[in-house]
C-alpha atoms as a PDB file:
ATOM      1  CA  MET A   1     -10.822 -35.161  18.962  1.00  0.00           C
ATOM      2  CA  HIS A   2     -11.928 -31.549  19.247  1.00  0.00           C
ATOM      3  CA  ARG A   3     -10.525 -29.059  16.812  1.00  0.00           C
ATOM      4  CA  THR A   4      -8.926 -26.011  18.360  1.00  0.00           C
ATOM      5  CA  GLU A   5     -10.729 -22.925  17.136  1.00  0.00           C
ATOM      6  CA  LEU A   6      -8.599 -20.102  15.847  1.00  0.00           C
ATOM      7  CA  PRO A   7      -8.854 -16.784  17.680  1.00  0.00           C
ATOM      8  CA  PRO A   8     -11.001 -14.175  15.953  1.00  0.00           C
ATOM      9  CA  PRO A   9      -9.084 -11.754  13.725  1.00  0.00           C
ATOM     10  CA  LEU A  10      -8.066  -8.453  15.214  1.00  0.00           C
ATOM     11  CA  PRO A  11      -9.785  -5.282  13.999  1.00  0.00           C
ATOM     12  CA  PRO A  12      -7.883  -3.335  11.303  1.00  0.00           C
ATOM     13  CA  GLU A  13      -6.508  -0.713  13.697  1.00  0.00           C
ATOM     14  CA  THR A  14      -4.686  -3.415  15.708  1.00  0.00           C
ATOM     15  CA  ARG A  15      -4.063  -5.991  12.962  1.00  0.00           C
ATOM     16  CA  THR A  16      -0.571  -7.493  12.938  1.00  0.00           C
ATOM     17  CA  VAL A  17       1.661  -7.986   9.909  1.00  0.00           C
ATOM     18  CA  GLY A  18       0.993 -11.742   9.957  1.00  0.00           C
ATOM     19  CA  GLN A  19      -2.753 -11.230   9.937  1.00  0.00           C
ATOM     20  CA  LEU A  20      -2.440  -8.733   7.104  1.00  0.00           C
ATOM     21  CA  VAL A  21      -0.682 -11.335   4.993  1.00  0.00           C
ATOM     22  CA  ALA A  22      -3.334 -13.892   5.960  1.00  0.00           C
ATOM     23  CA  GLU A  23      -6.126 -11.465   4.967  1.00  0.00           C
ATOM     24  CA  ALA A  24      -4.439 -10.913   1.591  1.00  0.00           C
ATOM     25  CA  LEU A  25      -4.256 -14.676   0.961  1.00  0.00           C
ATOM     26  CA  LYS A  26      -7.838 -15.103   2.074  1.00  0.00           C
ATOM     27  CA  LEU A  27      -8.971 -12.421  -0.370  1.00  0.00           C
ATOM     28  CA  TYR A  28      -6.889 -14.033  -3.095  1.00  0.00           C
ATOM     29  CA  ALA A  29      -8.678 -17.332  -2.592  1.00  0.00           C
ATOM     30  CA  ALA A  30     -12.123 -15.751  -2.396  1.00  0.00           C
ATOM     31  CA  ARG A  31     -11.664 -13.672  -5.606  1.00  0.00           C
ATOM     32  CA  PHE A  32      -9.180 -15.903  -7.380  1.00  0.00           C
ATOM     33  CA  TRP A  33      -9.622 -15.003 -11.067  1.00  0.00           C
ATOM     34  CA  PRO A  34      -9.851 -11.234 -10.637  1.00  0.00           C
ATOM     35  CA  SER A  35      -6.917 -11.433  -8.253  1.00  0.00           C
ATOM     36  CA  LEU A  36      -4.881 -13.529 -10.666  1.00  0.00           C
ATOM     37  CA  ALA A  37      -5.363 -10.863 -13.368  1.00  0.00           C
ATOM     38  CA  LEU A  38      -3.513  -8.423 -11.109  1.00  0.00           C
ATOM     39  CA  GLY A  39      -0.294 -10.313 -11.816  1.00  0.00           C
ATOM     40  CA  ILE A  40      -0.282  -9.517 -15.522  1.00  0.00           C
ATOM     41  CA  GLY A  41       1.187  -6.027 -15.147  1.00  0.00           C
ATOM     42  CA  PRO A  42       4.067  -7.082 -12.858  1.00  0.00           C
ATOM     43  CA  ALA A  43       4.743 -10.063 -15.140  1.00  0.00           C
ATOM     44  CA  ILE A  44       5.123  -7.744 -18.138  1.00  0.00           C
ATOM     45  CA  VAL A  45       7.592  -5.670 -16.163  1.00  0.00           C
ATOM     46  CA  GLY A  46       9.526  -8.803 -15.263  1.00  0.00           C
ATOM     47  CA  VAL A  47       9.644 -10.038 -18.860  1.00  0.00           C
ATOM     48  CA  THR A  48      10.747  -6.644 -20.121  1.00  0.00           C
ATOM     49  CA  ASP A  49      13.488  -6.480 -17.554  1.00  0.00           C
ATOM     50  CA  THR A  50      14.922  -9.836 -18.586  1.00  0.00           C
ATOM     51  CA  GLU A  51      14.373  -9.805 -22.343  1.00  0.00           C
ATOM     52  CA  LEU A  52      15.298  -6.243 -23.396  1.00  0.00           C
ATOM     53  CA  ASP A  53      18.652  -4.589 -23.350  1.00  0.00           C
ATOM     54  CA  GLY A  54      20.100  -1.112 -23.399  1.00  0.00           C
ATOM     55  CA  ALA A  55      18.048   2.030 -23.773  1.00  0.00           C
ATOM     56  CA  ALA A  56      14.876   0.167 -24.728  1.00  0.00           C
ATOM     57  CA  ARG A  57      14.974  -1.777 -21.427  1.00  0.00           C
ATOM     58  CA  ILE A  58      15.563   1.386 -19.417  1.00  0.00           C
ATOM     59  CA  ALA A  59      12.807   3.314 -21.164  1.00  0.00           C
ATOM     60  CA  VAL A  60      10.167   0.573 -20.841  1.00  0.00           C
ATOM     61  CA  VAL A  61      10.985  -0.302 -17.230  1.00  0.00           C
ATOM     62  CA  LEU A  62      11.105   3.310 -16.009  1.00  0.00           C
ATOM     63  CA  VAL A  63       8.088   4.609 -17.982  1.00  0.00           C
ATOM     64  CA  ALA A  64       5.711   1.671 -18.441  1.00  0.00           C
ATOM     65  CA  GLY A  65       6.820  -0.234 -15.344  1.00  0.00           C
ATOM     66  CA  PRO A  66       5.526   2.166 -12.657  1.00  0.00           C
ATOM     67  CA  LEU A  67       2.223   2.612 -14.510  1.00  0.00           C
ATOM     68  CA  LEU A  68       1.700  -1.143 -14.840  1.00  0.00           C
ATOM     69  CA  LEU A  69       2.402  -1.682 -11.169  1.00  0.00           C
ATOM     70  CA  ALA A  70       0.145   1.242 -10.247  1.00  0.00           C
ATOM     71  CA  GLY A  71      -2.645  -0.257 -12.374  1.00  0.00           C
ATOM     72  CA  SER A  72      -2.246  -3.581 -10.605  1.00  0.00           C
ATOM     73  CA  TYR A  73      -2.366  -1.861  -7.221  1.00  0.00           C
ATOM     74  CA  ALA A  74      -5.458   0.100  -8.235  1.00  0.00           C
ATOM     75  CA  GLY A  75      -7.166  -3.140  -9.279  1.00  0.00           C
ATOM     76  CA  ALA A  76      -6.353  -4.642  -5.891  1.00  0.00           C
ATOM     77  CA  VAL A  77      -7.819  -1.637  -4.120  1.00  0.00           C
ATOM     78  CA  ALA A  78     -11.026  -2.094  -6.131  1.00  0.00           C
ATOM     79  CA  LEU A  79     -11.277  -5.654  -4.770  1.00  0.00           C
ATOM     80  CA  VAL A  80     -10.917  -4.443  -1.199  1.00  0.00           C
ATOM     81  CA  ARG A  81     -12.953  -1.201  -1.151  1.00  0.00           C
ATOM     82  CA  PRO A  82     -15.515   0.442  -3.455  1.00  0.00           C
ATOM     83  CA  ILE A  83     -13.794   3.046  -5.586  1.00  0.00           C
ATOM     84  CA  GLY A  84     -14.933   6.072  -7.496  1.00  0.00           C
ATOM     85  CA  ARG A  85     -14.923   6.346 -11.247  1.00  0.00           C
ATOM     86  CA  GLY A  86     -13.756   8.975 -13.691  1.00  0.00           C
ATOM     87  CA  SER A  87     -11.023  11.416 -12.887  1.00  0.00           C
ATOM     88  CA  SER A  88      -9.849   9.548  -9.758  1.00  0.00           C
ATOM     89  CA  VAL A  89      -8.321   6.723 -11.818  1.00  0.00           C
ATOM     90  CA  PRO A  90      -5.766   8.889 -13.738  1.00  0.00           C
ATOM     91  CA  VAL A  91      -4.856  10.606 -10.469  1.00  0.00           C
ATOM     92  CA  ALA A  92      -4.304   7.210  -8.808  1.00  0.00           C
ATOM     93  CA  LEU A  93      -2.090   6.058 -11.685  1.00  0.00           C
ATOM     94  CA  LEU A  94      -0.031   9.228 -11.487  1.00  0.00           C
ATOM     95  CA  VAL A  95       0.407   8.852  -7.703  1.00  0.00           C
ATOM     96  CA  GLY A  96       1.284   5.189  -8.279  1.00  0.00           C
ATOM     97  CA  PHE A  97       3.899   6.161 -10.865  1.00  0.00           C
ATOM     98  CA  VAL A  98       5.645   8.330  -8.259  1.00  0.00           C
ATOM     99  CA  ALA A  99       5.313   5.596  -5.608  1.00  0.00           C
ATOM    100  CA  PHE A 100       6.526   2.660  -7.702  1.00  0.00           C
ATOM    101  CA  LEU A 101       9.286   4.452  -9.681  1.00  0.00           C
ATOM    102  CA  PRO A 102      12.060   3.652  -7.133  1.00  0.00           C
ATOM    103  CA  LEU A 103      10.997   0.003  -7.138  1.00  0.00           C
ATOM    104  CA  CYS A 104      11.456  -0.078 -10.933  1.00  0.00           C
ATOM    105  CA  VAL A 105      14.780   1.736 -10.638  1.00  0.00           C
ATOM    106  CA  SER A 106      15.936  -1.006  -8.305  1.00  0.00           C
ATOM    107  CA  ARG A 107      15.583  -3.503 -11.176  1.00  0.00           C
ATOM    108  CA  LEU A 108      18.073  -1.555 -13.277  1.00  0.00           C
ATOM    109  CA  TRP A 109      20.660  -0.229 -10.821  1.00  0.00           C
ATOM    110  CA  ILE A 110      21.399  -2.374  -7.781  1.00  0.00           C
ATOM    111  CA  PHE A 111      23.387  -1.252  -4.779  1.00  0.00           C
ATOM    112  CA  PRO A 112      23.238  -2.329  -1.098  1.00  0.00           C
ATOM    113  CA  GLY A 113      20.007  -1.226   0.534  1.00  0.00           C
ATOM    114  CA  ILE A 114      18.213  -0.090  -2.625  1.00  0.00           C
ATOM    115  CA  TYR A 115      15.324  -2.540  -2.109  1.00  0.00           C
ATOM    116  CA  LEU A 116      14.759  -1.298   1.419  1.00  0.00           C
ATOM    117  CA  VAL A 117      14.856   2.309   0.173  1.00  0.00           C
ATOM    118  CA  ALA A 118      12.362   1.494  -2.565  1.00  0.00           C
ATOM    119  CA  LEU A 119      10.006  -0.261  -0.143  1.00  0.00           C
ATOM    120  CA  GLY A 120      10.399   2.579   2.353  1.00  0.00           C
ATOM    121  CA  TRP A 121       9.381   5.091  -0.274  1.00  0.00           C
ATOM    122  CA  LEU A 122       6.437   2.945  -1.370  1.00  0.00           C
ATOM    123  CA  ALA A 123       5.284   2.610   2.268  1.00  0.00           C
ATOM    124  CA  PHE A 124       5.527   6.379   2.687  1.00  0.00           C
ATOM    125  CA  ILE A 125       3.813   7.484  -0.532  1.00  0.00           C
ATOM    126  CA  GLY A 126       1.969   4.466  -1.925  1.00  0.00           C
ATOM    127  CA  LEU A 127      -1.140   4.749   0.205  1.00  0.00           C
ATOM    128  CA  GLY A 128      -1.989   7.835  -1.816  1.00  0.00           C
ATOM    129  CA  VAL A 129      -3.186   5.459  -4.583  1.00  0.00           C
ATOM    130  CA  PRO A 130      -6.146   4.092  -2.622  1.00  0.00           C
ATOM    131  CA  ALA A 131      -6.702   7.569  -1.174  1.00  0.00           C
ATOM    132  CA  ALA A 132      -7.232   8.886  -4.712  1.00  0.00           C
ATOM    133  CA  LEU A 133      -9.539   5.998  -5.663  1.00  0.00           C
ATOM    134  CA  VAL A 134     -11.580   5.608  -2.486  1.00  0.00           C
ATOM    135  CA  GLU A 135     -11.617   9.183  -1.207  1.00  0.00           C
ATOM    136  CA  ARG A 136     -11.584  10.820  -4.689  1.00  0.00           C
ATOM    137  CA  ARG A 137      -8.767  13.262  -3.924  1.00  0.00           C
ATOM    138  CA  GLY A 138      -6.616  15.279  -6.282  1.00  0.00           C
ATOM    139  CA  PHE A 139      -2.937  14.533  -6.931  1.00  0.00           C
ATOM    140  CA  GLY A 140      -1.387  16.710  -4.239  1.00  0.00           C
ATOM    141  CA  ASP A 141      -4.070  15.912  -1.699  1.00  0.00           C
ATOM    142  CA  SER A 142      -3.641  12.170  -2.366  1.00  0.00           C
ATOM    143  CA  ILE A 143       0.090  12.427  -1.739  1.00  0.00           C
ATOM    144  CA  ARG A 144      -0.519  14.259   1.533  1.00  0.00           C
ATOM    145  CA  ARG A 145      -3.174  11.746   2.561  1.00  0.00           C
ATOM    146  CA  GLY A 146      -0.852   8.839   1.747  1.00  0.00           C
ATOM    147  CA  ILE A 147       1.839  10.354   3.985  1.00  0.00           C
ATOM    148  CA  GLU A 148      -0.716  10.912   6.748  1.00  0.00           C
ATOM    149  CA  LEU A 149      -1.822   7.287   6.555  1.00  0.00           C
ATOM    150  CA  ALA A 150       1.764   6.034   6.520  1.00  0.00           C
ATOM    151  CA  ARG A 151       2.685   8.117   9.565  1.00  0.00           C
ATOM    152  CA  ALA A 152      -0.197   6.583  11.556  1.00  0.00           C
ATOM    153  CA  ASP A 153       2.034   3.511  11.998  1.00  0.00           C
ATOM    154  CA  TYR A 154       4.992   3.590   9.614  1.00  0.00           C
ATOM    155  CA  VAL A 155       6.594   0.507  11.160  1.00  0.00           C
ATOM    156  CA  HIS A 156       3.453  -1.498  10.434  1.00  0.00           C
ATOM    157  CA  ALA A 157       3.312  -0.135   6.865  1.00  0.00           C
ATOM    158  CA  LEU A 158       6.955  -0.828   6.036  1.00  0.00           C
ATOM    159  CA  GLY A 159       6.965  -4.171   7.888  1.00  0.00           C
ATOM    160  CA  SER A 160       3.868  -5.329   6.006  1.00  0.00           C
ATOM    161  CA  LEU A 161       5.296  -4.490   2.565  1.00  0.00           C
ATOM    162  CA  ALA A 162       8.661  -6.013   3.465  1.00  0.00           C
ATOM    163  CA  THR A 163       6.989  -9.210   4.714  1.00  0.00           C
ATOM    164  CA  LEU A 164       4.930  -9.480   1.552  1.00  0.00           C
ATOM    165  CA  ALA A 165       8.011  -8.985  -0.600  1.00  0.00           C
ATOM    166  CA  ILE A 166      10.025 -11.561   1.345  1.00  0.00           C
ATOM    167  CA  THR A 167       7.179 -14.077   1.151  1.00  0.00           C
ATOM    168  CA  ILE A 168       7.008 -13.729  -2.634  1.00  0.00           C
ATOM    169  CA  PHE A 169      10.801 -13.881  -2.983  1.00  0.00           C
ATOM    170  CA  LEU A 170      11.170 -17.029  -0.902  1.00  0.00           C
ATOM    171  CA  THR A 171       8.302 -18.767  -2.651  1.00  0.00           C
ATOM    172  CA  GLY A 172       9.808 -17.913  -6.050  1.00  0.00           C
ATOM    173  CA  LEU A 173      13.215 -19.108  -4.867  1.00  0.00           C
ATOM    174  CA  VAL A 174      11.776 -22.496  -3.879  1.00  0.00           C
ATOM    175  CA  LEU A 175      10.166 -22.774  -7.301  1.00  0.00           C
ATOM    176  CA  PHE A 176      13.406 -21.884  -9.030  1.00  0.00           C
ATOM    177  CA  PHE A 177      15.413 -24.562  -7.216  1.00  0.00           C
ATOM    178  CA  SER A 178      12.729 -27.140  -7.915  1.00  0.00           C
ATOM    179  CA  LEU A 179      12.954 -26.386 -11.666  1.00  0.00           C
ATOM    180  CA  ARG A 180      16.685 -25.668 -12.036  1.00  0.00           C
ATOM    181  CA  GLU A 181      17.343 -28.912 -13.957  1.00  0.00           C
ATOM    182  CA  LEU A 182      14.965 -27.905 -16.736  1.00  0.00           C
ATOM    183  CA  SER A 183      16.001 -25.999 -19.865  1.00  0.00           C
ATOM    184  CA  ASP A 184      16.520 -22.248 -19.783  1.00  0.00           C
ATOM    185  CA  GLN A 185      13.349 -21.691 -21.787  1.00  0.00           C
ATOM    186  CA  ALA A 186      11.305 -23.798 -19.397  1.00  0.00           C
ATOM    187  CA  ILE A 187      12.734 -21.879 -16.431  1.00  0.00           C
ATOM    188  CA  ARG A 188      11.803 -18.568 -18.044  1.00  0.00           C
ATOM    189  CA  VAL A 189       8.234 -19.716 -18.664  1.00  0.00           C
ATOM    190  CA  ALA A 190       7.969 -21.040 -15.134  1.00  0.00           C
ATOM    191  CA  GLY A 191       9.352 -17.752 -13.761  1.00  0.00           C
ATOM    192  CA  LEU A 192       6.793 -15.806 -15.730  1.00  0.00           C
ATOM    193  CA  LEU A 193       3.930 -17.953 -14.484  1.00  0.00           C
ATOM    194  CA  ALA A 194       5.245 -17.703 -10.933  1.00  0.00           C
ATOM    195  CA  LEU A 195       5.293 -13.913 -11.179  1.00  0.00           C
ATOM    196  CA  VAL A 196       1.701 -13.854 -12.460  1.00  0.00           C
ATOM    197  CA  VAL A 197       0.592 -16.046  -9.549  1.00  0.00           C
ATOM    198  CA  LEU A 198       2.653 -14.455  -6.759  1.00  0.00           C
ATOM    199  CA  ALA A 199       2.536 -10.731  -7.565  1.00  0.00           C
ATOM    200  CA  PRO A 200      -1.162 -10.368  -6.628  1.00  0.00           C
ATOM    201  CA  VAL A 201      -0.308 -11.287  -3.024  1.00  0.00           C
ATOM    202  CA  PHE A 202       1.797  -8.115  -2.768  1.00  0.00           C
ATOM    203  CA  VAL A 203      -0.727  -5.674  -4.211  1.00  0.00           C
ATOM    204  CA  LEU A 204      -3.636  -7.266  -2.333  1.00  0.00           C
ATOM    205  CA  GLY A 205      -1.645  -6.954   0.896  1.00  0.00           C
ATOM    206  CA  ALA A 206      -0.895  -3.324   0.060  1.00  0.00           C
ATOM    207  CA  ALA A 207      -4.616  -2.731  -0.443  1.00  0.00           C
ATOM    208  CA  VAL A 208      -5.426  -4.308   2.919  1.00  0.00           C
ATOM    209  CA  LEU A 209      -2.725  -2.089   4.425  1.00  0.00           C
ATOM    210  CA  TYR A 210      -4.767   0.945   3.392  1.00  0.00           C
ATOM    211  CA  VAL A 211      -7.712  -0.347   5.439  1.00  0.00           C
ATOM    212  CA  ASP A 212      -5.374  -0.866   8.442  1.00  0.00           C
ATOM    213  CA  GLN A 213      -3.784   2.561   8.290  1.00  0.00           C
ATOM    214  CA  GLU A 214      -7.111   4.316   7.710  1.00  0.00           C
ATOM    215  CA  ALA A 215      -8.484   2.637  10.831  1.00  0.00           C
ATOM    216  CA  ARG A 216      -5.395   3.677  12.762  1.00  0.00           C
ATOM    217  CA  VAL A 217      -5.852   7.301  11.726  1.00  0.00           C
ATOM    218  CA  GLU A 218      -9.532   7.248  12.659  1.00  0.00           C
ATOM    219  CA  SER A 219      -8.881   5.628  16.049  1.00  0.00           C
ATOM    220  CA  SER A 220      -5.936   7.838  17.031  1.00  0.00           C
ATOM    221  CA  PRO A 221      -6.694  10.473  19.646  1.00  0.00           C
ATOM    222  CA  ARG A 222      -7.016  13.944  18.203  1.00  0.00           C
ATOM    223  CA  PRO A 223      -5.577  16.884  20.056  1.00  0.00           C
ATOM    224  CA  ARG A 224      -8.307  18.623  21.933  1.00  0.00           C
ATOM    225  CA  ARG A 225      -8.728  22.338  21.444  1.00  0.00           C
ATOM    226  CA  LYS A 226      -9.297  24.512  24.436  1.00  0.00           C
ATOM    227  CA  ARG A 227     -13.024  24.985  24.714  1.00  0.00           C
ATOM    228  CA  ASP A 228     -13.046  28.768  25.096  1.00  0.00           C
ATOM    229  CA  ALA A 229      -9.683  29.668  23.529  1.00  0.00           C
ATOM    230  CA  ASP A 230      -8.875  31.683  26.681  1.00  0.00           C
ATOM    231  CA  LEU A 231     -11.916  33.930  26.120  1.00  0.00           C
ATOM    232  CA  HIS A 232     -14.266  34.681  28.953  1.00  0.00           C
ATOM    233  CA  SER A 233     -17.598  32.949  28.487  1.00  0.00           C
ATOM    234  CA  ALA A 234     -20.683  35.106  28.237  1.00  0.00           C
ATOM    235  CA  PHE A 235     -22.795  32.229  29.553  1.00  0.00           C
ATOM    236  CA  GLU A 236     -20.887  31.380  32.704  1.00  0.00           C
ATOM    237  CA  PRO A 237     -20.556  33.508  35.835  1.00  0.00           C
ATOM    238  CA  ASP A 238     -17.199  34.917  36.781  1.00  0.00           C
ATOM    239  CA  GLY A 239     -15.031  32.835  39.029  1.00  0.00           C
ATOM    240  CA  THR A 240     -14.006  33.872  42.463  1.00  0.00           C
ATOM    241  CA  GLY A 241     -11.762  36.929  42.546  1.00  0.00           C
ATOM    242  CA  ARG A 242     -12.423  37.678  38.864  1.00  0.00           C
ATOM    243  CA  SER A 243     -15.254  40.178  38.893  1.00  0.00           C
ATOM    244  CA  ASP A 244     -15.643  42.486  35.923  1.00  0.00           C
ATOM    245  CA  PRO A 245     -15.639  46.213  36.657  1.00  0.00           C
ATOM    246  CA  GLU A 246     -18.975  47.894  36.472  1.00  0.00           C
ATOM    247  CA  VAL A 247     -19.298  50.543  33.818  1.00  0.00           C
ATOM    248  CA  GLU A 248     -21.693  53.394  34.199  1.00  0.00           C
ATOM    249  CA  PRO A 249     -23.947  53.934  31.171  1.00  0.00           C
END
């Protein structure tokens, strides 16, 4: 029986959301231990959110949370593309703080549509993190570059992040229902381990998204400038009916 060969993957500029998720999982398997380490930051945010109360919970989630998520995202970018060193890392963390802050806010104050708003903001701004690391841009320039990359195909950017988030949520839900008869402590430990294992899928997918959007920007047609800017060329003869008047010396 002959095995049916899978079609070759599409290039980044035409990659679908499904193929982006598949590329993230493929990268996860190929670089398992470094990828698994990316889940530590999100796991710390999750534990803080469930174990702390009051002002301490708010302070840690809103201050440390975005930085931990930004660090995890930066690590994922380093697995996908070579990054610069030095001043670009603090810039990337600062951009990531701005990008991930609404996502951390959504863990504290929940209202209908907040998760979509948080993901929409992350899709619009978040690509500034790899822009700072890979392209070594400053803070403002990284924000502008992230918006430029997002606008290349915002539907693809938002759809990719939403699909990654839904995949992680459904997988975690299956794990919860399979362990619901255990003690509360066992469920907490299992939830922590699940977050460590599943969170890297999201940040790796977000890093692959940068490659996709960068390729879309590079492949998009640029507006052509008029060659002579309406100025008469000194190297071409006049057209019919457009002779220049002769001037006596």
